[in-house]
């Protein structure tokens, strides 16, 4: 999910359209618009932005990809306050209509405004899991799809050979990516792939992202990791950012393994995490070979993948 994509003339008009989504910008919404500008290398005050009409946006921003991203950024803006207002939903849907953008999250946004948590969960998880399961079916058939659900819901058996292979990461050199991943798993009390209770290897990109980014497994770190993940996923990365905000900011429980949380959307940290993820030269969720890089020094791997924004910390373990 690339977000640093707008030309200077598109940026002002686009952010002006987002400002026009709500009658009165909150402090957090204003900061959100300013952070997007800063990520583009521009300094502006949200209060100085003109309220741009949708027709003007359509006239200025012709690229379908840029239009779709602007709508997605507008969807996020409706969520930064921790609740979704129905007038804001109507406004972003009108902007999307004018720009000819079809975005499934608009329907989910309507459900959020109505407090319909069960349907929100169904739609969000269907969007994320649908992509992963379809890919598994293409590559491994029914067996691949079954493995995802079996391990997610805890009825898969132990795969001793896989578990032994990952356990050997403990012998990798200190500072290597593989050793850092092993330590991250053990320090957080997780299971290695192949062990009972482990997530499927197909979903390992989330935890590998934690190791690369340095974001913790606490709620504040998880929403930033969801944003980082959204950045590096090339196909519908927005779904992961939307998931993270719903789970760790709006308080709607999405998965059985994490509690619903409220208020963890730090505008600057989360949006910077998206930009950091988008810098990666590889999509860790799409055929990226962990074992080809496991022995590589973590610092070197980060540089090779193109991580530049900020100074990544070592992975932070969960607090007791």
C-alpha atoms as a PDB file:
ATOM      1  CA  UNK A   1       0.000   0.000   0.000  1.00  0.00           C
ATOM      2  CA  UNK A   2       1.889   3.016  -1.248  1.00  0.00           C
ATOM      3  CA  UNK A   3       0.716   6.329   0.185  1.00  0.00           C
ATOM      4  CA  UNK A   4       3.477   8.716  -0.909  1.00  0.00           C
ATOM      5  CA  UNK A   5       2.174   8.890  -4.474  1.00  0.00           C
ATOM      6  CA  UNK A   6       0.544  12.260  -5.075  1.00  0.00           C
ATOM      7  CA  UNK A   7       1.990  15.011  -7.241  1.00  0.00           C
ATOM      8  CA  UNK A   8       2.152  18.430  -5.541  1.00  0.00           C
ATOM      9  CA  UNK A   9      -0.993  19.721  -7.259  1.00  0.00           C
ATOM     10  CA  UNK A  10      -2.811  16.458  -6.475  1.00  0.00           C
ATOM     11  CA  UNK A  11      -1.750  16.572  -2.829  1.00  0.00           C
ATOM     12  CA  UNK A  12      -3.283  19.961  -2.046  1.00  0.00           C
ATOM     13  CA  UNK A  13      -6.502  19.218  -3.888  1.00  0.00           C
ATOM     14  CA  UNK A  14      -6.775  15.718  -2.438  1.00  0.00           C
ATOM     15  CA  UNK A  15      -6.165  16.776   1.152  1.00  0.00           C
ATOM     16  CA  UNK A  16      -8.600  19.633   0.643  1.00  0.00           C
ATOM     17  CA  UNK A  17     -11.221  17.071  -0.374  1.00  0.00           C
ATOM     18  CA  UNK A  18     -10.526  15.094   2.796  1.00  0.00           C
ATOM     19  CA  UNK A  19     -10.874  18.236   4.854  1.00  0.00           C
ATOM     20  CA  UNK A  20     -14.268  18.789   3.241  1.00  0.00           C
ATOM     21  CA  UNK A  21     -15.504  15.401   4.463  1.00  0.00           C
ATOM     22  CA  UNK A  22     -16.377  16.797   7.873  1.00  0.00           C
ATOM     23  CA  UNK A  23     -17.856  20.176   8.873  1.00  0.00           C
ATOM     24  CA  UNK A  24     -15.235  20.766  11.546  1.00  0.00           C
ATOM     25  CA  UNK A  25     -11.831  19.133  11.672  1.00  0.00           C
ATOM     26  CA  UNK A  26     -10.819  17.683  15.023  1.00  0.00           C
ATOM     27  CA  UNK A  27      -7.271  18.132  16.248  1.00  0.00           C
ATOM     28  CA  UNK A  28      -6.473  14.504  15.408  1.00  0.00           C
ATOM     29  CA  UNK A  29      -7.991  14.773  11.933  1.00  0.00           C
ATOM     30  CA  UNK A  30      -5.996  17.928  11.271  1.00  0.00           C
ATOM     31  CA  UNK A  31      -2.824  16.197  12.365  1.00  0.00           C
ATOM     32  CA  UNK A  32      -3.667  13.252  10.117  1.00  0.00           C
ATOM     33  CA  UNK A  33      -3.805  15.509   7.045  1.00  0.00           C
ATOM     34  CA  UNK A  34      -0.578  17.231   8.056  1.00  0.00           C
ATOM     35  CA  UNK A  35       1.238  13.903   8.512  1.00  0.00           C
ATOM     36  CA  UNK A  36       0.227  12.775   5.019  1.00  0.00           C
ATOM     37  CA  UNK A  37       1.623  16.048   3.683  1.00  0.00           C
ATOM     38  CA  UNK A  38       4.847  15.597   5.683  1.00  0.00           C
ATOM     39  CA  UNK A  39       5.333  12.106   4.293  1.00  0.00           C
ATOM     40  CA  UNK A  40       5.201  13.721   0.847  1.00  0.00           C
ATOM     41  CA  UNK A  41       7.834  16.244   1.917  1.00  0.00           C
ATOM     42  CA  UNK A  42       5.350  19.115   2.162  1.00  0.00           C
ATOM     43  CA  UNK A  43       4.659  21.344   5.150  1.00  0.00           C
ATOM     44  CA  UNK A  44       1.149  22.702   5.514  1.00  0.00           C
ATOM     45  CA  UNK A  45      -1.441  23.538   8.115  1.00  0.00           C
ATOM     46  CA  UNK A  46      -4.683  21.639   7.804  1.00  0.00           C
ATOM     47  CA  UNK A  47      -6.622  24.763   8.748  1.00  0.00           C
ATOM     48  CA  UNK A  48      -5.207  26.526   5.669  1.00  0.00           C
ATOM     49  CA  UNK A  49      -6.424  23.868   3.246  1.00  0.00           C
ATOM     50  CA  UNK A  50      -9.272  24.872   0.965  1.00  0.00           C
ATOM     51  CA  UNK A  51     -12.386  22.677   1.121  1.00  0.00           C
ATOM     52  CA  UNK A  52     -12.109  21.103  -2.294  1.00  0.00           C
ATOM     53  CA  UNK A  53     -15.284  20.003  -4.070  1.00  0.00           C
ATOM     54  CA  UNK A  54     -15.402  16.454  -5.398  1.00  0.00           C
ATOM     55  CA  UNK A  55     -15.709  17.624  -9.008  1.00  0.00           C
ATOM     56  CA  UNK A  56     -12.453  19.548  -8.631  1.00  0.00           C
ATOM     57  CA  UNK A  57     -10.724  16.408  -7.363  1.00  0.00           C
ATOM     58  CA  UNK A  58     -12.023  14.442 -10.351  1.00  0.00           C
ATOM     59  CA  UNK A  59     -10.721  17.160 -12.638  1.00  0.00           C
ATOM     60  CA  UNK A  60      -7.274  17.211 -11.017  1.00  0.00           C
ATOM     61  CA  UNK A  61      -6.632  13.557 -10.130  1.00  0.00           C
ATOM     62  CA  UNK A  62      -7.150  11.329 -13.155  1.00  0.00           C
ATOM     63  CA  UNK A  63      -5.062   8.284 -12.239  1.00  0.00           C
ATOM     64  CA  UNK A  64      -7.433   5.502 -10.990  1.00  0.00           C
ATOM     65  CA  UNK A  65      -4.834   4.267  -8.511  1.00  0.00           C
ATOM     66  CA  UNK A  66      -4.408   7.730  -6.997  1.00  0.00           C
ATOM     67  CA  UNK A  67      -8.178   8.145  -6.811  1.00  0.00           C
ATOM     68  CA  UNK A  68      -8.604   4.817  -5.050  1.00  0.00           C
ATOM     69  CA  UNK A  69      -5.850   5.623  -2.560  1.00  0.00           C
ATOM     70  CA  UNK A  70      -7.392   9.017  -1.782  1.00  0.00           C
ATOM     71  CA  UNK A  71     -10.708   7.351  -0.975  1.00  0.00           C
ATOM     72  CA  UNK A  72      -8.928   4.865   1.285  1.00  0.00           C
ATOM     73  CA  UNK A  73      -7.126   7.696   3.065  1.00  0.00           C
ATOM     74  CA  UNK A  74     -10.520   9.360   3.504  1.00  0.00           C
ATOM     75  CA  UNK A  75     -11.908   6.180   5.045  1.00  0.00           C
ATOM     76  CA  UNK A  76      -9.069   6.173   7.568  1.00  0.00           C
ATOM     77  CA  UNK A  77      -9.727   9.819   8.425  1.00  0.00           C
ATOM     78  CA  UNK A  78     -13.312   8.962   9.391  1.00  0.00           C
ATOM     79  CA  UNK A  79     -11.875   6.491  11.940  1.00  0.00           C
ATOM     80  CA  UNK A  80      -9.114   8.470  13.645  1.00  0.00           C
ATOM     81  CA  UNK A  81     -11.375   9.762  16.425  1.00  0.00           C
ATOM     82  CA  UNK A  82     -12.202   6.227  17.522  1.00  0.00           C
ATOM     83  CA  UNK A  83     -15.783   6.288  16.301  1.00  0.00           C
ATOM     84  CA  UNK A  84     -17.368   6.561  12.880  1.00  0.00           C
ATOM     85  CA  UNK A  85     -20.013   9.227  12.281  1.00  0.00           C
ATOM     86  CA  UNK A  86     -22.755   8.565   9.749  1.00  0.00           C
ATOM     87  CA  UNK A  87     -22.464  11.994   8.054  1.00  0.00           C
ATOM     88  CA  UNK A  88     -18.755  11.325   7.449  1.00  0.00           C
ATOM     89  CA  UNK A  89     -19.602   7.940   5.913  1.00  0.00           C
ATOM     90  CA  UNK A  90     -22.080   9.620   3.574  1.00  0.00           C
ATOM     91  CA  UNK A  91     -19.476  12.224   2.589  1.00  0.00           C
ATOM     92  CA  UNK A  92     -16.726   9.731   1.759  1.00  0.00           C
ATOM     93  CA  UNK A  93     -19.192   7.584  -0.205  1.00  0.00           C
ATOM     94  CA  UNK A  94     -20.139  10.651  -2.252  1.00  0.00           C
ATOM     95  CA  UNK A  95     -16.484  11.390  -2.967  1.00  0.00           C
ATOM     96  CA  UNK A  96     -15.915   7.771  -4.014  1.00  0.00           C
ATOM     97  CA  UNK A  97     -18.944   7.919  -6.315  1.00  0.00           C
ATOM     98  CA  UNK A  98     -17.720  11.088  -8.000  1.00  0.00           C
ATOM     99  CA  UNK A  99     -14.267   9.586  -8.516  1.00  0.00           C
ATOM    100  CA  UNK A 100     -15.664   6.296  -9.800  1.00  0.00           C
ATOM    101  CA  UNK A 101     -14.001   4.331  -7.003  1.00  0.00           C
ATOM    102  CA  UNK A 102     -15.405   1.052  -5.724  1.00  0.00           C
ATOM    103  CA  UNK A 103     -14.056   0.240  -2.254  1.00  0.00           C
ATOM    104  CA  UNK A 104     -15.565  -2.603  -0.153  1.00  0.00           C
ATOM    105  CA  UNK A 105     -14.577  -0.893   3.106  1.00  0.00           C
ATOM    106  CA  UNK A 106     -17.239   1.763   2.476  1.00  0.00           C
ATOM    107  CA  UNK A 107     -19.924  -0.789   3.264  1.00  0.00           C
ATOM    108  CA  UNK A 108     -18.006  -1.927   6.341  1.00  0.00           C
ATOM    109  CA  UNK A 109     -17.678   1.704   7.400  1.00  0.00           C
ATOM    110  CA  UNK A 110     -21.467   1.993   7.319  1.00  0.00           C
ATOM    111  CA  UNK A 111     -21.705  -1.056   9.599  1.00  0.00           C
ATOM    112  CA  UNK A 112     -19.166   0.486  11.974  1.00  0.00           C
ATOM    113  CA  UNK A 113     -21.248   3.652  12.210  1.00  0.00           C
ATOM    114  CA  UNK A 114     -24.230   1.474  13.118  1.00  0.00           C
ATOM    115  CA  UNK A 115     -22.301  -0.531  15.714  1.00  0.00           C
ATOM    116  CA  UNK A 116     -22.957  -3.849  13.972  1.00  0.00           C
ATOM    117  CA  UNK A 117     -19.884  -5.658  15.253  1.00  0.00           C
ATOM    118  CA  UNK A 118     -20.653  -9.173  14.039  1.00  0.00           C
ATOM    119  CA  UNK A 119     -21.117  -8.092  10.438  1.00  0.00           C
ATOM    120  CA  UNK A 120     -18.026  -5.885  10.650  1.00  0.00           C
ATOM    121  CA  UNK A 121     -15.986  -8.889  11.732  1.00  0.00           C
ATOM    122  CA  UNK A 122     -17.399 -11.074   8.966  1.00  0.00           C
ATOM    123  CA  UNK A 123     -16.632  -8.530   6.250  1.00  0.00           C
ATOM    124  CA  UNK A 124     -13.141  -7.649   7.455  1.00  0.00           C
ATOM    125  CA  UNK A 125     -12.032 -11.247   7.954  1.00  0.00           C
ATOM    126  CA  UNK A 126     -13.616 -12.401   4.704  1.00  0.00           C
ATOM    127  CA  UNK A 127     -11.599  -9.793   2.816  1.00  0.00           C
ATOM    128  CA  UNK A 128      -8.286 -10.744   4.427  1.00  0.00           C
ATOM    129  CA  UNK A 129      -8.712 -14.489   4.643  1.00  0.00           C
ATOM    130  CA  UNK A 130     -10.324 -14.708   1.213  1.00  0.00           C
ATOM    131  CA  UNK A 131      -7.121 -13.504  -0.433  1.00  0.00           C
ATOM    132  CA  UNK A 132      -4.934 -15.904   1.561  1.00  0.00           C
ATOM    133  CA  UNK A 133      -7.179 -18.909   1.073  1.00  0.00           C
ATOM    134  CA  UNK A 134      -7.576 -18.320  -2.665  1.00  0.00           C
ATOM    135  CA  UNK A 135      -3.800 -18.222  -3.009  1.00  0.00           C
ATOM    136  CA  UNK A 136      -3.456 -21.439  -0.984  1.00  0.00           C
ATOM    137  CA  UNK A 137      -6.035 -23.152  -3.160  1.00  0.00           C
ATOM    138  CA  UNK A 138      -4.199 -22.135  -6.327  1.00  0.00           C
ATOM    139  CA  UNK A 139      -0.846 -23.373  -5.076  1.00  0.00           C
ATOM    140  CA  UNK A 140      -1.690 -26.387  -2.911  1.00  0.00           C
ATOM    141  CA  UNK A 141      -5.330 -27.122  -3.500  1.00  0.00           C
ATOM    142  CA  UNK A 142      -7.700 -28.030  -0.676  1.00  0.00           C
ATOM    143  CA  UNK A 143      -4.812 -29.182   1.495  1.00  0.00           C
ATOM    144  CA  UNK A 144      -3.317 -25.679   1.579  1.00  0.00           C
ATOM    145  CA  UNK A 145      -6.615 -24.056   2.539  1.00  0.00           C
ATOM    146  CA  UNK A 146      -7.277 -26.715   5.185  1.00  0.00           C
ATOM    147  CA  UNK A 147      -3.861 -26.111   6.770  1.00  0.00           C
ATOM    148  CA  UNK A 148      -4.616 -22.412   7.242  1.00  0.00           C
ATOM    149  CA  UNK A 149      -7.894 -23.023   9.057  1.00  0.00           C
ATOM    150  CA  UNK A 150      -6.634 -26.064  10.978  1.00  0.00           C
ATOM    151  CA  UNK A 151      -3.739 -24.139  12.469  1.00  0.00           C
ATOM    152  CA  UNK A 152      -5.665 -20.927  13.063  1.00  0.00           C
ATOM    153  CA  UNK A 153      -8.367 -22.760  15.004  1.00  0.00           C
ATOM    154  CA  UNK A 154      -6.034 -25.097  16.835  1.00  0.00           C
ATOM    155  CA  UNK A 155      -6.973 -28.508  15.503  1.00  0.00           C
ATOM    156  CA  UNK A 156      -3.855 -29.170  13.445  1.00  0.00           C
ATOM    157  CA  UNK A 157      -1.345 -31.714  14.642  1.00  0.00           C
ATOM    158  CA  UNK A 158       2.364 -31.283  15.237  1.00  0.00           C
ATOM    159  CA  UNK A 159       4.674 -31.282  12.222  1.00  0.00           C
ATOM    160  CA  UNK A 160       7.857 -32.560  13.833  1.00  0.00           C
ATOM    161  CA  UNK A 161      10.168 -32.062  10.850  1.00  0.00           C
ATOM    162  CA  UNK A 162       9.061 -28.441  10.368  1.00  0.00           C
ATOM    163  CA  UNK A 163       9.397 -27.773  14.105  1.00  0.00           C
ATOM    164  CA  UNK A 164      12.945 -29.214  14.142  1.00  0.00           C
ATOM    165  CA  UNK A 165      13.966 -27.086  11.190  1.00  0.00           C
ATOM    166  CA  UNK A 166      12.806 -23.877  12.892  1.00  0.00           C
ATOM    167  CA  UNK A 167      14.293 -24.931  16.244  1.00  0.00           C
ATOM    168  CA  UNK A 168      17.727 -24.989  14.589  1.00  0.00           C
ATOM    169  CA  UNK A 169      17.421 -21.216  14.193  1.00  0.00           C
ATOM    170  CA  UNK A 170      18.618 -21.053  17.812  1.00  0.00           C
ATOM    171  CA  UNK A 171      22.046 -22.057  16.488  1.00  0.00           C
ATOM    172  CA  UNK A 172      22.204 -19.250  13.908  1.00  0.00           C
ATOM    173  CA  UNK A 173      24.657 -16.399  14.539  1.00  0.00           C
ATOM    174  CA  UNK A 174      23.589 -13.637  16.902  1.00  0.00           C
ATOM    175  CA  UNK A 175      22.344 -10.678  14.911  1.00  0.00           C
ATOM    176  CA  UNK A 176      21.096 -12.839  12.064  1.00  0.00           C
ATOM    177  CA  UNK A 177      17.513 -12.589  10.876  1.00  0.00           C
ATOM    178  CA  UNK A 178      16.841 -16.251  11.684  1.00  0.00           C
ATOM    179  CA  UNK A 179      18.198 -15.986  15.214  1.00  0.00           C
ATOM    180  CA  UNK A 180      16.223 -12.763  15.785  1.00  0.00           C
ATOM    181  CA  UNK A 181      13.045 -14.490  14.613  1.00  0.00           C
ATOM    182  CA  UNK A 182      13.678 -17.472  16.913  1.00  0.00           C
ATOM    183  CA  UNK A 183      14.274 -15.155  19.867  1.00  0.00           C
ATOM    184  CA  UNK A 184      11.152 -13.124  19.054  1.00  0.00           C
ATOM    185  CA  UNK A 185       9.029 -16.286  19.070  1.00  0.00           C
ATOM    186  CA  UNK A 186      10.442 -17.625  22.333  1.00  0.00           C
ATOM    187  CA  UNK A 187      10.510 -14.272  24.165  1.00  0.00           C
ATOM    188  CA  UNK A 188       6.838 -13.707  23.354  1.00  0.00           C
ATOM    189  CA  UNK A 189       5.780 -17.216  24.348  1.00  0.00           C
ATOM    190  CA  UNK A 190       4.673 -18.153  20.823  1.00  0.00           C
ATOM    191  CA  UNK A 191       5.070 -21.503  19.059  1.00  0.00           C
ATOM    192  CA  UNK A 192       7.505 -22.140  16.250  1.00  0.00           C
ATOM    193  CA  UNK A 193       6.006 -23.326  12.961  1.00  0.00           C
ATOM    194  CA  UNK A 194       5.272 -27.029  13.214  1.00  0.00           C
ATOM    195  CA  UNK A 195       4.730 -26.913  16.977  1.00  0.00           C
ATOM    196  CA  UNK A 196       1.263 -27.197  18.467  1.00  0.00           C
ATOM    197  CA  UNK A 197      -0.563 -23.881  18.425  1.00  0.00           C
ATOM    198  CA  UNK A 198       1.678 -22.326  15.764  1.00  0.00           C
ATOM    199  CA  UNK A 199       0.263 -20.216  12.987  1.00  0.00           C
ATOM    200  CA  UNK A 200       0.509 -21.534   9.411  1.00  0.00           C
ATOM    201  CA  UNK A 201       3.753 -20.805   7.607  1.00  0.00           C
ATOM    202  CA  UNK A 202       1.673 -18.959   4.991  1.00  0.00           C
ATOM    203  CA  UNK A 203       0.817 -16.364   7.644  1.00  0.00           C
ATOM    204  CA  UNK A 204       4.334 -16.088   9.007  1.00  0.00           C
ATOM    205  CA  UNK A 205       4.858 -12.811   7.181  1.00  0.00           C
ATOM    206  CA  UNK A 206       3.132 -11.016  10.074  1.00  0.00           C
ATOM    207  CA  UNK A 207       5.705 -12.165  12.632  1.00  0.00           C
ATOM    208  CA  UNK A 208       8.604 -11.739  10.218  1.00  0.00           C
ATOM    209  CA  UNK A 209       7.359  -8.180   9.798  1.00  0.00           C
ATOM    210  CA  UNK A 210       7.530  -7.675  13.560  1.00  0.00           C
ATOM    211  CA  UNK A 211      11.183  -8.712  13.518  1.00  0.00           C
ATOM    212  CA  UNK A 212      12.046  -6.447  10.591  1.00  0.00           C
ATOM    213  CA  UNK A 213      10.108  -3.427  11.840  1.00  0.00           C
ATOM    214  CA  UNK A 214      10.873  -3.694  15.541  1.00  0.00           C
ATOM    215  CA  UNK A 215       7.236  -3.062  16.518  1.00  0.00           C
ATOM    216  CA  UNK A 216       6.142  -4.776  19.721  1.00  0.00           C
ATOM    217  CA  UNK A 217       3.350  -7.269  20.276  1.00  0.00           C
ATOM    218  CA  UNK A 218       1.546  -4.879  22.607  1.00  0.00           C
ATOM    219  CA  UNK A 219      -1.559  -3.114  21.186  1.00  0.00           C
ATOM    220  CA  UNK A 220       0.370   0.044  20.266  1.00  0.00           C
ATOM    221  CA  UNK A 221       2.925  -2.070  18.416  1.00  0.00           C
ATOM    222  CA  UNK A 222       0.345  -4.332  16.807  1.00  0.00           C
ATOM    223  CA  UNK A 223      -1.528  -1.481  15.138  1.00  0.00           C
ATOM    224  CA  UNK A 224       1.774  -0.124  13.847  1.00  0.00           C
ATOM    225  CA  UNK A 225       2.735  -3.588  12.623  1.00  0.00           C
ATOM    226  CA  UNK A 226      -0.634  -3.862  10.839  1.00  0.00           C
ATOM    227  CA  UNK A 227       0.215  -0.558   9.155  1.00  0.00           C
ATOM    228  CA  UNK A 228       3.749  -1.694   8.272  1.00  0.00           C
ATOM    229  CA  UNK A 229       2.274  -4.897   6.854  1.00  0.00           C
ATOM    230  CA  UNK A 230      -0.277  -2.904   4.872  1.00  0.00           C
ATOM    231  CA  UNK A 231       2.640  -1.014   3.376  1.00  0.00           C
ATOM    232  CA  UNK A 232       4.611  -4.000   2.128  1.00  0.00           C
ATOM    233  CA  UNK A 233       1.639  -6.084   0.910  1.00  0.00           C
ATOM    234  CA  UNK A 234       1.264  -5.249  -2.763  1.00  0.00           C
ATOM    235  CA  UNK A 235      -2.239  -6.661  -3.291  1.00  0.00           C
ATOM    236  CA  UNK A 236      -4.898  -4.982  -1.129  1.00  0.00           C
ATOM    237  CA  UNK A 237      -2.574  -3.991   1.690  1.00  0.00           C
ATOM    238  CA  UNK A 238      -5.252  -1.521   2.775  1.00  0.00           C
ATOM    239  CA  UNK A 239      -7.267  -4.442   4.185  1.00  0.00           C
ATOM    240  CA  UNK A 240      -4.594  -5.020   6.832  1.00  0.00           C
ATOM    241  CA  UNK A 241      -4.509  -1.363   7.870  1.00  0.00           C
ATOM    242  CA  UNK A 242      -8.302  -1.307   8.097  1.00  0.00           C
ATOM    243  CA  UNK A 243      -8.197  -4.489  10.201  1.00  0.00           C
ATOM    244  CA  UNK A 244      -5.617  -2.997  12.572  1.00  0.00           C
ATOM    245  CA  UNK A 245      -7.619   0.180  13.152  1.00  0.00           C
ATOM    246  CA  UNK A 246     -10.863  -1.710  13.743  1.00  0.00           C
ATOM    247  CA  UNK A 247      -9.190  -4.137  16.175  1.00  0.00           C
ATOM    248  CA  UNK A 248      -6.815  -1.852  18.065  1.00  0.00           C
ATOM    249  CA  UNK A 249      -8.528   1.537  17.896  1.00  0.00           C
ATOM    250  CA  UNK A 250     -12.272   1.127  17.426  1.00  0.00           C
ATOM    251  CA  UNK A 251     -12.587  -1.818  19.808  1.00  0.00           C
ATOM    252  CA  UNK A 252     -14.164  -4.447  17.540  1.00  0.00           C
ATOM    253  CA  UNK A 253     -12.713  -7.907  18.208  1.00  0.00           C
ATOM    254  CA  UNK A 254     -11.586  -9.461  14.943  1.00  0.00           C
ATOM    255  CA  UNK A 255      -9.660 -12.592  15.936  1.00  0.00           C
ATOM    256  CA  UNK A 256      -9.720 -14.982  18.890  1.00  0.00           C
ATOM    257  CA  UNK A 257      -6.019 -14.425  19.619  1.00  0.00           C
ATOM    258  CA  UNK A 258      -6.124 -10.684  20.392  1.00  0.00           C
ATOM    259  CA  UNK A 259      -8.364  -8.598  22.601  1.00  0.00           C
ATOM    260  CA  UNK A 260     -10.291  -5.678  21.162  1.00  0.00           C
ATOM    261  CA  UNK A 261      -8.600  -2.407  22.092  1.00  0.00           C
ATOM    262  CA  UNK A 262      -9.562   1.261  21.997  1.00  0.00           C
ATOM    263  CA  UNK A 263      -7.497   4.346  21.296  1.00  0.00           C
ATOM    264  CA  UNK A 264      -4.193   3.068  19.901  1.00  0.00           C
ATOM    265  CA  UNK A 265      -4.174   4.974  16.617  1.00  0.00           C
ATOM    266  CA  UNK A 266      -1.255   7.359  17.008  1.00  0.00           C
ATOM    267  CA  UNK A 267      -1.608   9.258  13.731  1.00  0.00           C
ATOM    268  CA  UNK A 268       2.069   9.970  13.167  1.00  0.00           C
ATOM    269  CA  UNK A 269       3.350   6.531  14.211  1.00  0.00           C
ATOM    270  CA  UNK A 270       0.743   4.541  12.298  1.00  0.00           C
ATOM    271  CA  UNK A 271       0.966   6.464   9.040  1.00  0.00           C
ATOM    272  CA  UNK A 272       4.761   6.491   9.200  1.00  0.00           C
ATOM    273  CA  UNK A 273       4.608   2.718   9.657  1.00  0.00           C
ATOM    274  CA  UNK A 274       2.620   2.435   6.424  1.00  0.00           C
ATOM    275  CA  UNK A 275       5.275   4.459   4.605  1.00  0.00           C
ATOM    276  CA  UNK A 276       8.061   2.331   6.130  1.00  0.00           C
ATOM    277  CA  UNK A 277       6.371  -0.849   4.946  1.00  0.00           C
ATOM    278  CA  UNK A 278       5.818   0.553   1.467  1.00  0.00           C
ATOM    279  CA  UNK A 279       9.571   1.143   1.146  1.00  0.00           C
ATOM    280  CA  UNK A 280      10.286  -2.596   1.245  1.00  0.00           C
ATOM    281  CA  UNK A 281      11.425  -3.971  -2.078  1.00  0.00           C
ATOM    282  CA  UNK A 282       9.640  -7.255  -1.420  1.00  0.00           C
ATOM    283  CA  UNK A 283       6.169  -8.377  -0.426  1.00  0.00           C
ATOM    284  CA  UNK A 284       6.793 -10.754   2.471  1.00  0.00           C
ATOM    285  CA  UNK A 285       3.321 -12.252   2.009  1.00  0.00           C
ATOM    286  CA  UNK A 286       3.815 -13.320  -1.590  1.00  0.00           C
ATOM    287  CA  UNK A 287       6.399 -16.043  -2.098  1.00  0.00           C
ATOM    288  CA  UNK A 288       9.210 -14.331  -0.205  1.00  0.00           C
ATOM    289  CA  UNK A 289      11.737 -16.965   0.908  1.00  0.00           C
ATOM    290  CA  UNK A 290      12.529 -16.632   4.607  1.00  0.00           C
ATOM    291  CA  UNK A 291      15.165 -19.371   4.500  1.00  0.00           C
ATOM    292  CA  UNK A 292      17.113 -17.592   1.770  1.00  0.00           C
ATOM    293  CA  UNK A 293      17.663 -14.721   4.229  1.00  0.00           C
ATOM    294  CA  UNK A 294      17.646 -16.464   7.619  1.00  0.00           C
ATOM    295  CA  UNK A 295      21.438 -16.435   8.018  1.00  0.00           C
ATOM    296  CA  UNK A 296      21.750 -12.834   6.840  1.00  0.00           C
ATOM    297  CA  UNK A 297      22.521 -10.119   9.417  1.00  0.00           C
ATOM    298  CA  UNK A 298      19.286  -8.360  10.296  1.00  0.00           C
ATOM    299  CA  UNK A 299      20.792  -4.905   9.838  1.00  0.00           C
ATOM    300  CA  UNK A 300      22.032  -5.859   6.387  1.00  0.00           C
ATOM    301  CA  UNK A 301      18.664  -7.349   5.403  1.00  0.00           C
ATOM    302  CA  UNK A 302      16.823  -4.196   6.422  1.00  0.00           C
ATOM    303  CA  UNK A 303      19.146  -2.146   4.220  1.00  0.00           C
ATOM    304  CA  UNK A 304      18.835  -4.607   1.336  1.00  0.00           C
ATOM    305  CA  UNK A 305      15.041  -4.423   1.512  1.00  0.00           C
ATOM    306  CA  UNK A 306      15.203  -0.626   1.374  1.00  0.00           C
ATOM    307  CA  UNK A 307      14.104   0.344   4.890  1.00  0.00           C
ATOM    308  CA  UNK A 308      15.039   3.983   5.405  1.00  0.00           C
ATOM    309  CA  UNK A 309      12.394   5.756   7.474  1.00  0.00           C
ATOM    310  CA  UNK A 310      13.281   5.876  11.138  1.00  0.00           C
ATOM    311  CA  UNK A 311      15.726   3.726  13.038  1.00  0.00           C
ATOM    312  CA  UNK A 312      14.193   0.290  13.619  1.00  0.00           C
ATOM    313  CA  UNK A 313      14.448  -0.929  17.179  1.00  0.00           C
ATOM    314  CA  UNK A 314      15.143  -4.507  18.171  1.00  0.00           C
ATOM    315  CA  UNK A 315      11.910  -6.490  18.445  1.00  0.00           C
ATOM    316  CA  UNK A 316      10.197  -5.709  21.742  1.00  0.00           C
ATOM    317  CA  UNK A 317       8.746  -8.623  23.665  1.00  0.00           C
ATOM    318  CA  UNK A 318       5.291  -8.632  25.218  1.00  0.00           C
ATOM    319  CA  UNK A 319       5.094  -7.357  28.772  1.00  0.00           C
ATOM    320  CA  UNK A 320       4.214  -9.859  31.449  1.00  0.00           C
END
